[in-house]
Amino acid sequence: MRGRPKLFTTYAADTAIFPTITQKVLVTVGVIILFLMPFDIPFISGPVPRAFPEDWWLIGGRYTVLGQIPILNDGLPFVRFLGDSNWLRPMTEVFIIAIAALGLNILSGVAGQVSLGHAFFMGVGACTAAVLGGQSSERLWGLGLPIWIWLPAAGIAAALVGILVSPTAVKLRGLYLGIVTLGLVFIGIHLSRVFPQIAGDTEAGRRYPEFDIKLWKEETPLINVSSEDTVTGLLGLNTFEVTDRQKTYFFCLILLIVMAFFAKNLIRTRTGRALQAIRDRDIAAEVMGVNEVKYKLIAFAVSSFYAGIAGALFASFVGKVAGGQFNLFLSVEFIAILLIGGAGTVSGTLMGTFFVIILPEMVEKVTEWLGDQEEGVTGRVADFVLTEGPGDFGPVSVPNVAPGWSLNVFDWNVAIYGALIVVFLIFEPLGLFGIWIKIRNYWKGWPFTY
């Protein structure tokens, strides 16, 4: 109802994925922005002289001709930055890691099962994709199957391994379960060294299948994701190039939307409510008729399936991955995502993923920018912060310089992760989602905030 958005008169309205009009509008606008981000989108900023061709619609230069009226084409200022390929790669990584984080959120955030082995299940998915979709050689196994086989199979293989692990969750709880799942990471690293035919060389890894969509093993794919294409625009009157990075971006974005929809829908169902009951009080839930063994098995299977899909996507996206990259640090990164974003919520998981993945890129960009500053206030700040040689004593070392007592950008990112985890656990256990809830409730109650 207008003026009373939280007044629900039916259970269907109360449990809707987006129960209010505001949420529907925000999600729609956000999805549209994500799909427009890789391109320079023109907008009208005023007429210019008419010394231009009389094309009906010409996009790609500084000016756009609409009918007989030429207009300035500078692109949307907020969205346009992703047209730079340097930002497409980390954003695509956000989508892939978000899929894996959604799986861990179902297991740890919704079901309350502590897991430090999420990277292991990603490695299972990556290895499955390598064997089914990769090319074989004298030292490597590979069947060369199309993506519609190896990508779902990666999730299914990881889910089967998760089902094998799930009985442990019934016998162990809390820290003990976390230590068991942590051991899976080291088992996975060891197996990647024992079977180089699957994971490739210990240091260099192997080539993983690309995202090209084929019917079987034909040379020309139905949809070529790994190379540039010329796309016809509005009414066939203009063409523009779509790069492989842009197509990979769209492919992973669509998969994320689908997986996020199913994760959100799962939380709303009877299964989701049973998982939350086990999280809140497992003994009481079992007394009320919740089958603890069944639902913990489901939680591990679904979580592992998401991790397997993300592992296959990540390995294919990077192109060449060693088995040792699915290590403890990656598992801790997922824990940071849940704690910083907000465990138990899909929105918090997505916010946490964006924050954790983009933060290192922002730190690196700021460090590079400071390194270029030589004069003024910013120059003095750069001299104080950065270390460029043995004589400097800044806390951050620039690339290609021995760090000494200072830390490089990677080490600073690790330190920032740790500090953020501590801060959010102490001051805001609900993470970024909790901060957003406080801001939203404040403005909804303003000026009567008491």
Protein backbone atom coordinates (compact mmCIF):
# COMPACT_ATOMS: atom_id res chain seq x y z
CA MET A 1 0.00 0.00 0.00
CA ARG A 2 1.07 3.56 -0.63
CA GLY A 3 2.46 5.17 2.50
CA ARG A 4 2.63 1.84 4.36
CA PRO A 5 5.17 -0.27 2.41
CA LYS A 6 5.66 -2.80 5.23
CA LEU A 7 1.95 -3.57 5.63
CA PHE A 8 1.49 -7.08 4.23
CA THR A 9 -1.89 -8.75 4.08
CA THR A 10 -0.79 -12.15 2.65
CA TYR A 11 2.05 -14.57 3.31
CA ALA A 12 3.02 -14.37 -0.37
CA ALA A 13 3.53 -10.62 -0.10
CA ASP A 14 5.45 -10.97 3.15
CA THR A 15 7.87 -13.56 1.71
CA ALA A 16 8.32 -11.96 -1.72
CA ILE A 17 11.88 -11.61 -2.98
CA PHE A 18 11.41 -7.86 -3.36
CA PRO A 19 8.45 -6.98 -1.11
CA THR A 20 8.41 -3.22 -1.70
CA ILE A 21 8.24 -1.07 -4.80
CA THR A 22 11.40 0.77 -3.72
CA GLN A 23 13.38 -2.47 -3.68
CA LYS A 24 12.06 -3.45 -7.10
CA VAL A 25 13.01 -0.09 -8.58
CA LEU A 26 16.48 -0.07 -7.00
CA VAL A 27 17.24 -3.61 -8.17
CA THR A 28 16.00 -2.87 -11.70
CA VAL A 29 18.07 0.30 -11.96
CA GLY A 30 21.12 -1.47 -10.51
CA VAL A 31 20.89 -4.33 -13.02
CA ILE A 32 20.48 -1.87 -15.91
CA ILE A 33 23.55 0.06 -14.77
CA LEU A 34 25.59 -3.16 -14.52
CA PHE A 35 24.67 -4.09 -18.09
CA LEU A 36 25.50 -0.59 -19.38
CA MET A 37 28.76 -0.21 -17.48
CA PRO A 38 31.15 -1.74 -20.05
CA PHE A 39 30.11 0.78 -22.71
CA ASP A 40 30.32 4.54 -23.17
CA ILE A 41 26.67 5.54 -23.07
CA PRO A 42 25.89 8.82 -24.90
CA PHE A 43 23.79 11.55 -23.35
CA ILE A 44 22.55 14.94 -24.53
CA SER A 45 24.53 17.85 -23.13
CA GLY A 46 23.65 20.58 -25.58
CA PRO A 47 23.64 21.33 -29.34
CA VAL A 48 26.82 21.91 -31.33
CA PRO A 49 27.43 23.24 -34.87
CA ARG A 50 25.87 21.24 -37.72
CA ALA A 51 29.11 20.45 -39.57
CA PHE A 52 28.58 16.68 -39.27
CA PRO A 53 27.41 13.83 -41.51
CA GLU A 54 23.66 13.36 -41.76
CA ASP A 55 23.67 9.85 -40.27
CA TRP A 56 20.59 9.03 -38.27
CA TRP A 57 22.52 7.47 -35.39
CA LEU A 58 26.32 7.43 -35.22
CA ILE A 59 27.93 6.29 -32.00
CA GLY A 60 31.58 5.97 -31.20
CA GLY A 61 33.09 9.41 -31.65
CA ARG A 62 32.86 12.59 -29.65
CA TYR A 63 29.56 13.58 -31.22
CA THR A 64 26.28 11.82 -31.91
CA VAL A 65 23.95 12.87 -34.72
CA LEU A 66 20.28 12.39 -33.85
CA GLY A 67 18.19 13.23 -36.90
CA GLN A 68 19.55 16.60 -38.00
CA ILE A 69 20.63 17.65 -34.47
CA PRO A 70 24.21 16.82 -33.50
CA ILE A 71 24.74 16.43 -29.76
CA LEU A 72 27.80 16.05 -27.55
CA ASN A 73 28.65 12.44 -26.71
CA ASP A 74 30.77 12.24 -23.57
CA GLY A 75 29.14 9.22 -21.94
CA LEU A 76 27.53 8.81 -18.57
CA PRO A 77 30.10 10.16 -16.10
CA PHE A 78 29.40 7.64 -13.30
CA VAL A 79 29.00 4.51 -15.42
CA ARG A 80 31.59 5.19 -18.03
CA PHE A 81 34.72 4.28 -16.03
CA LEU A 82 34.19 0.57 -16.72
CA GLY A 83 34.68 1.20 -20.43
CA ASP A 84 38.34 1.02 -19.44
CA SER A 85 39.36 -2.63 -19.70
CA ASN A 86 41.47 -2.26 -16.57
CA TRP A 87 38.24 -2.18 -14.53
CA LEU A 88 36.38 -4.88 -16.45
CA ARG A 89 38.66 -7.60 -15.12
CA PRO A 90 38.17 -6.93 -11.37
CA MET A 91 34.43 -6.43 -11.86
CA THR A 92 34.17 -9.79 -13.62
CA GLU A 93 36.13 -11.32 -10.75
CA VAL A 94 33.58 -9.77 -8.37
CA PHE A 95 30.79 -11.64 -10.15
CA ILE A 96 32.65 -14.97 -10.01
CA ILE A 97 33.70 -14.68 -6.37
CA ALA A 98 30.17 -13.54 -5.48
CA ILE A 99 28.78 -16.84 -6.79
CA ALA A 100 31.12 -18.78 -4.47
CA ALA A 101 30.35 -16.42 -1.58
CA LEU A 102 26.61 -17.00 -2.06
CA GLY A 103 27.25 -20.71 -1.59
CA LEU A 104 29.22 -20.17 1.62
CA ASN A 105 26.49 -17.83 2.83
CA ILE A 106 23.94 -20.64 2.50
CA LEU A 107 26.17 -22.98 4.51
CA SER A 108 27.58 -20.62 7.15
CA GLY A 109 25.26 -17.62 7.13
CA VAL A 110 21.91 -19.43 6.76
CA ALA A 111 22.62 -22.91 8.13
CA GLY A 112 25.23 -21.81 10.70
CA GLN A 113 27.84 -24.43 9.75
CA VAL A 114 31.41 -23.18 10.11
CA SER A 115 33.47 -23.92 6.99
CA LEU A 116 37.05 -22.92 6.21
CA GLY A 117 37.35 -25.22 3.21
CA HIS A 118 35.39 -23.34 0.57
CA ALA A 119 38.50 -22.95 -1.58
CA PHE A 120 38.79 -26.74 -1.72
CA PHE A 121 35.36 -27.09 -3.34
CA MET A 122 36.29 -24.35 -5.82
CA GLY A 123 39.37 -26.41 -6.67
CA VAL A 124 37.20 -29.50 -7.22
CA GLY A 125 35.09 -27.55 -9.70
CA ALA A 126 38.15 -26.18 -11.46
CA CYS A 127 39.74 -29.64 -11.80
CA THR A 128 36.48 -31.09 -13.13
CA ALA A 129 36.30 -28.32 -15.72
CA ALA A 130 39.94 -28.97 -16.66
CA VAL A 131 39.38 -32.69 -17.28
CA LEU A 132 36.03 -32.41 -19.06
CA GLY A 133 36.58 -29.19 -21.01
CA GLY A 134 40.37 -28.95 -21.34
CA GLN A 135 42.48 -30.25 -24.19
CA SER A 136 44.43 -33.46 -23.67
CA SER A 137 48.16 -33.89 -24.24
CA GLU A 138 50.89 -36.31 -23.28
CA ARG A 139 50.99 -34.93 -19.74
CA LEU A 140 47.44 -33.66 -19.26
CA TRP A 141 43.98 -35.21 -19.20
CA GLY A 142 41.22 -33.54 -21.17
CA LEU A 143 38.09 -34.46 -23.13
CA GLY A 144 37.45 -31.11 -24.86
CA LEU A 145 33.69 -31.13 -24.10
CA PRO A 146 31.57 -27.97 -24.52
CA ILE A 147 30.72 -25.56 -21.71
CA TRP A 148 27.15 -26.78 -21.27
CA ILE A 149 28.68 -30.06 -20.03
CA TRP A 150 31.79 -29.08 -18.07
CA LEU A 151 30.31 -26.09 -16.23
CA PRO A 152 27.31 -27.90 -14.65
CA ALA A 153 29.50 -30.97 -14.10
CA ALA A 154 31.93 -28.83 -12.10
CA GLY A 155 29.15 -27.89 -9.73
CA ILE A 156 27.79 -31.44 -9.52
CA ALA A 157 31.23 -32.92 -8.77
CA ALA A 158 31.80 -30.40 -5.98
CA ALA A 159 28.30 -31.08 -4.62
CA LEU A 160 29.01 -34.83 -4.48
CA VAL A 161 32.17 -34.17 -2.49
CA GLY A 162 30.16 -31.88 -0.22
CA ILE A 163 27.65 -34.68 0.37
CA LEU A 164 30.51 -36.96 1.42
CA VAL A 165 31.68 -34.33 3.91
CA SER A 166 28.20 -33.51 5.28
CA PRO A 167 27.96 -36.45 7.77
CA THR A 168 30.85 -34.84 9.62
CA ALA A 169 28.70 -31.76 10.20
CA VAL A 170 26.21 -33.85 12.15
CA LYS A 171 28.88 -35.18 14.53
CA LEU A 172 30.95 -31.99 14.83
CA ARG A 173 30.02 -28.38 15.51
CA GLY A 174 31.69 -25.00 15.75
CA LEU A 175 35.46 -24.90 15.83
CA TYR A 176 35.83 -28.66 15.36
CA LEU A 177 33.89 -28.56 12.09
CA GLY A 178 35.95 -25.55 10.97
CA ILE A 179 39.21 -27.43 11.58
CA VAL A 180 37.95 -30.44 9.60
CA THR A 181 36.99 -28.30 6.62
CA LEU A 182 40.29 -26.45 6.92
CA GLY A 183 42.07 -29.77 6.46
CA LEU A 184 40.31 -30.19 3.11
CA VAL A 185 42.24 -27.22 1.74
CA PHE A 186 45.59 -28.83 2.45
CA ILE A 187 44.35 -32.16 1.10
CA GLY A 188 43.35 -30.42 -2.13
CA ILE A 189 46.75 -28.74 -2.49
CA HIS A 190 48.48 -32.09 -1.92
CA LEU A 191 46.27 -33.87 -4.48
CA SER A 192 46.99 -31.18 -7.07
CA ARG A 193 50.69 -32.05 -6.73
CA VAL A 194 50.09 -35.81 -6.78
CA PHE A 195 47.99 -35.63 -9.97
CA PRO A 196 49.65 -33.09 -12.29
CA GLN A 197 47.68 -34.67 -15.15
CA ILE A 198 44.62 -32.85 -13.78
CA ALA A 199 45.86 -29.59 -12.29
CA GLY A 200 48.98 -29.21 -14.42
CA ASP A 201 52.36 -28.04 -13.26
CA THR A 202 52.63 -27.11 -9.58
CA GLU A 203 53.77 -23.55 -10.34
CA ALA A 204 52.35 -22.73 -13.78
CA GLY A 205 49.17 -24.83 -13.77
CA ARG A 206 47.44 -25.62 -17.06
CA ARG A 207 45.20 -23.98 -19.62
CA TYR A 208 41.50 -24.17 -18.82
CA PRO A 209 38.61 -24.23 -21.32
CA GLU A 210 37.22 -20.94 -22.57
CA PHE A 211 33.66 -19.67 -22.30
CA ASP A 212 32.83 -20.27 -25.98
CA ILE A 213 29.43 -21.93 -26.36
CA LYS A 214 29.44 -24.93 -28.73
CA LEU A 215 27.04 -27.75 -29.54
CA TRP A 216 29.83 -30.31 -29.33
CA LYS A 217 33.47 -30.09 -30.49
CA GLU A 218 33.12 -28.07 -33.68
CA GLU A 219 35.74 -25.47 -34.56
CA THR A 220 33.30 -22.56 -34.91
CA PRO A 221 31.28 -21.96 -31.71
CA LEU A 222 27.69 -20.83 -31.67
CA ILE A 223 28.62 -17.90 -29.42
CA ASN A 224 32.24 -16.80 -29.44
CA VAL A 225 33.05 -15.28 -26.07
CA SER A 226 36.84 -15.39 -26.31
CA SER A 227 37.27 -12.94 -29.21
CA GLU A 228 35.97 -9.58 -30.41
CA ASP A 229 32.78 -9.29 -32.45
CA THR A 230 31.11 -6.56 -34.47
CA VAL A 231 27.56 -6.02 -33.24
CA THR A 232 24.82 -4.25 -35.17
CA GLY A 233 23.16 -1.50 -33.21
CA LEU A 234 19.78 0.19 -33.22
CA LEU A 235 17.70 -0.59 -36.35
CA GLY A 236 20.87 -1.91 -38.03
CA LEU A 237 22.14 1.61 -38.74
CA ASN A 238 25.33 1.46 -36.68
CA THR A 239 27.89 -1.10 -35.56
CA PHE A 240 30.29 -1.26 -32.62
CA GLU A 241 32.90 -3.64 -31.29
CA VAL A 242 32.27 -5.91 -28.31
CA THR A 243 35.54 -7.17 -26.85
CA ASP A 244 36.14 -10.56 -25.28
CA ARG A 245 36.40 -8.94 -21.85
CA GLN A 246 33.01 -7.32 -22.26
CA LYS A 247 31.41 -10.60 -23.34
CA THR A 248 33.01 -12.42 -20.41
CA TYR A 249 31.69 -9.67 -18.14
CA PHE A 250 28.13 -10.17 -19.42
CA PHE A 251 28.38 -13.97 -19.25
CA CYS A 252 29.46 -13.93 -15.59
CA LEU A 253 26.96 -11.20 -14.71
CA ILE A 254 24.05 -13.24 -16.10
CA LEU A 255 25.21 -16.32 -14.19
CA LEU A 256 25.48 -14.27 -10.98
CA ILE A 257 21.93 -12.94 -11.39
CA VAL A 258 20.59 -16.47 -11.89
CA MET A 259 22.53 -17.92 -8.95
CA ALA A 260 21.60 -15.01 -6.66
CA PHE A 261 17.94 -15.46 -7.56
CA PHE A 262 18.04 -19.15 -6.64
CA ALA A 263 19.96 -18.42 -3.41
CA LYS A 264 17.43 -15.77 -2.39
CA ASN A 265 14.54 -18.04 -3.32
CA LEU A 266 16.04 -20.95 -1.34
CA ILE A 267 16.14 -18.85 1.83
CA ARG A 268 12.40 -18.13 1.43
CA THR A 269 11.40 -21.77 1.10
CA ARG A 270 10.71 -24.45 3.70
CA THR A 271 14.28 -25.66 3.26
CA GLY A 272 15.63 -22.20 4.00
CA ARG A 273 13.51 -21.87 7.13
CA ALA A 274 14.70 -25.30 8.30
CA LEU A 275 18.33 -24.27 7.78
CA GLN A 276 17.78 -21.09 9.77
CA ALA A 277 16.15 -23.09 12.56
CA ILE A 278 19.20 -25.37 12.71
CA ARG A 279 21.44 -22.31 12.84
CA ASP A 280 19.53 -20.66 15.66
CA ARG A 281 19.01 -23.77 17.83
CA ASP A 282 19.70 -27.14 16.26
CA ILE A 283 18.42 -29.28 19.13
CA ALA A 284 15.14 -27.36 19.33
CA ALA A 285 14.77 -27.60 15.56
CA GLU A 286 15.21 -31.37 15.66
CA VAL A 287 12.66 -31.67 18.47
CA MET A 288 10.20 -29.75 16.29
CA GLY A 289 10.65 -32.25 13.47
CA VAL A 290 13.46 -30.75 11.38
CA ASN A 291 15.62 -33.56 9.99
CA GLU A 292 19.08 -32.27 10.89
CA VAL A 293 20.98 -34.84 8.83
CA LYS A 294 18.91 -34.18 5.71
CA TYR A 295 19.11 -30.40 5.82
CA LYS A 296 22.80 -30.23 6.67
CA LEU A 297 23.41 -32.51 3.70
CA ILE A 298 21.39 -30.12 1.53
CA ALA A 299 23.34 -27.13 2.86
CA PHE A 300 26.70 -28.71 2.10
CA ALA A 301 25.56 -29.91 -1.34
CA VAL A 302 24.16 -26.53 -2.41
CA SER A 303 27.12 -24.61 -1.01
CA SER A 304 29.60 -26.94 -2.73
CA PHE A 305 27.67 -26.69 -6.00
CA TYR A 306 27.99 -22.91 -5.97
CA ALA A 307 31.68 -23.20 -5.13
CA GLY A 308 32.27 -25.71 -7.95
CA ILE A 309 30.60 -23.44 -10.51
CA ALA A 310 32.63 -20.47 -9.28
CA GLY A 311 35.86 -22.49 -9.32
CA ALA A 312 35.34 -23.51 -12.93
CA LEU A 313 34.48 -19.93 -13.91
CA PHE A 314 37.46 -18.52 -12.03
CA ALA A 315 39.94 -20.96 -13.60
CA SER A 316 38.57 -20.33 -17.09
CA PHE A 317 38.52 -16.59 -16.52
CA VAL A 318 42.14 -16.45 -15.36
CA GLY A 319 43.12 -18.90 -18.12
CA LYS A 320 45.99 -20.65 -16.39
CA VAL A 321 45.69 -21.55 -12.72
CA ALA A 322 47.82 -23.76 -10.50
CA GLY A 323 46.10 -26.02 -8.00
CA GLY A 324 47.91 -24.30 -5.13
CA GLN A 325 45.97 -21.08 -5.76
CA PHE A 326 42.89 -22.59 -4.12
CA ASN A 327 44.53 -22.18 -0.74
CA LEU A 328 43.82 -21.06 2.81
CA PHE A 329 44.05 -17.36 1.98
CA LEU A 330 41.19 -17.74 -0.52
CA SER A 331 39.06 -19.45 2.15
CA VAL A 332 39.82 -16.65 4.62
CA GLU A 333 38.86 -14.15 1.94
CA PHE A 334 35.40 -15.71 1.80
CA ILE A 335 35.10 -15.47 5.57
CA ALA A 336 36.03 -11.79 5.27
CA ILE A 337 33.34 -11.32 2.63
CA LEU A 338 30.63 -12.74 4.90
CA LEU A 339 31.75 -10.87 8.00
CA ILE A 340 32.24 -7.53 6.23
CA GLY A 341 29.12 -7.79 4.07
CA GLY A 342 26.75 -9.44 6.51
CA ALA A 343 26.28 -13.19 6.99
CA GLY A 344 22.88 -14.70 6.27
CA THR A 345 21.77 -12.17 3.65
CA VAL A 346 22.17 -12.19 -0.12
CA SER A 347 22.48 -8.41 -0.28
CA GLY A 348 25.20 -8.38 2.37
CA THR A 349 27.11 -11.11 0.56
CA LEU A 350 27.08 -9.15 -2.68
CA MET A 351 28.13 -5.94 -0.93
CA GLY A 352 30.91 -7.74 0.91
CA THR A 353 32.22 -9.31 -2.29
CA PHE A 354 32.32 -5.98 -4.09
CA PHE A 355 34.08 -4.35 -1.14
CA VAL A 356 36.69 -7.09 -0.62
CA ILE A 357 37.57 -7.57 -4.31
CA ILE A 358 37.56 -3.92 -5.35
CA LEU A 359 39.40 -2.70 -2.23
CA PRO A 360 42.81 -4.07 -3.38
CA GLU A 361 42.30 -2.45 -6.78
CA MET A 362 41.50 0.87 -5.13
CA VAL A 363 44.52 0.62 -2.84
CA GLU A 364 46.75 -0.14 -5.84
CA LYS A 365 45.29 2.72 -7.90
CA VAL A 366 45.71 5.17 -5.03
CA THR A 367 49.30 4.01 -4.52
CA GLU A 368 50.07 4.49 -8.23
CA TRP A 369 48.44 7.92 -8.16
CA LEU A 370 50.45 8.97 -5.11
CA GLY A 371 53.61 7.73 -6.81
CA ASP A 372 53.01 10.22 -9.64
CA GLN A 373 52.56 13.19 -7.29
CA GLU A 374 55.66 15.33 -6.88
CA GLU A 375 54.47 18.77 -5.77
CA GLY A 376 51.97 20.35 -3.44
CA VAL A 377 50.13 18.73 -0.56
CA THR A 378 49.69 15.43 -2.39
CA GLY A 379 53.41 15.32 -3.11
CA ARG A 380 54.22 15.71 0.58
CA VAL A 381 51.68 13.03 1.47
CA ALA A 382 53.30 10.70 -1.09
CA ASP A 383 56.77 11.36 0.37
CA PHE A 384 55.45 10.51 3.83
CA VAL A 385 53.47 7.38 2.82
CA LEU A 386 55.54 5.76 0.06
CA THR A 387 58.95 4.10 0.21
CA GLU A 388 60.94 4.36 -3.02
CA GLY A 389 64.33 3.16 -1.81
CA PRO A 390 66.51 2.27 1.16
CA GLY A 391 66.59 5.87 2.39
CA ASP A 392 62.83 6.28 2.65
CA PHE A 393 60.76 5.27 5.65
CA GLY A 394 57.20 5.30 4.34
CA PRO A 395 54.81 2.53 5.44
CA VAL A 396 53.92 1.55 1.83
CA SER A 397 56.56 0.38 -0.63
CA VAL A 398 56.05 1.10 -4.32
CA PRO A 399 56.29 -1.77 -6.83
CA ASN A 400 59.73 -3.18 -7.73
CA VAL A 401 61.22 -1.92 -4.47
CA ALA A 402 62.38 -4.16 -1.63
CA PRO A 403 59.82 -3.53 1.13
CA GLY A 404 62.22 -3.54 4.11
CA TRP A 405 60.24 -2.59 7.19
CA SER A 406 57.37 -1.21 5.11
CA LEU A 407 54.62 -3.28 3.47
CA ASN A 408 53.80 -3.65 -0.20
CA VAL A 409 50.27 -3.26 -1.56
CA PHE A 410 49.43 -6.97 -1.22
CA ASP A 411 50.55 -7.07 2.41
CA TRP A 412 48.56 -3.94 3.16
CA ASN A 413 45.45 -5.56 1.69
CA VAL A 414 45.93 -8.57 3.97
CA ALA A 415 46.36 -6.27 6.97
CA ILE A 416 43.28 -4.28 6.00
CA TYR A 417 41.23 -7.50 5.75
CA GLY A 418 42.25 -8.48 9.26
CA ALA A 419 41.54 -5.05 10.68
CA LEU A 420 38.13 -4.88 9.01
CA ILE A 421 37.15 -8.31 10.31
CA VAL A 422 38.03 -7.25 13.86
CA VAL A 423 36.24 -3.90 13.53
CA PHE A 424 33.05 -5.36 12.08
CA LEU A 425 32.91 -8.21 14.59
CA ILE A 426 33.20 -5.74 17.49
CA PHE A 427 31.17 -2.77 16.29
CA GLU A 428 28.83 -4.07 13.55
CA PRO A 429 28.26 -7.87 13.49
CA LEU A 430 25.79 -7.50 10.61
CA GLY A 431 28.48 -5.91 8.43
CA LEU A 432 27.75 -3.49 5.62
CA PHE A 433 24.19 -4.78 5.45
CA GLY A 434 23.71 -3.78 9.09
CA ILE A 435 25.06 -0.30 8.37
CA TRP A 436 22.65 0.03 5.46
CA ILE A 437 19.73 -1.08 7.69
CA LYS A 438 20.62 1.59 10.27
CA ILE A 439 20.84 4.30 7.61
CA ARG A 440 17.55 3.19 6.05
CA ASN A 441 15.73 3.07 9.39
CA TYR A 442 17.11 6.46 10.38
CA TRP A 443 15.76 8.20 7.30
CA LYS A 444 12.46 6.32 7.42
CA GLY A 445 11.93 7.56 10.97
CA TRP A 446 13.31 11.08 10.49
CA PRO A 447 12.71 13.49 12.18
CA PHE A 448 11.14 11.22 14.85
CA THR A 449 14.15 8.90 15.25
CA TYR A 450 13.57 7.99 18.88
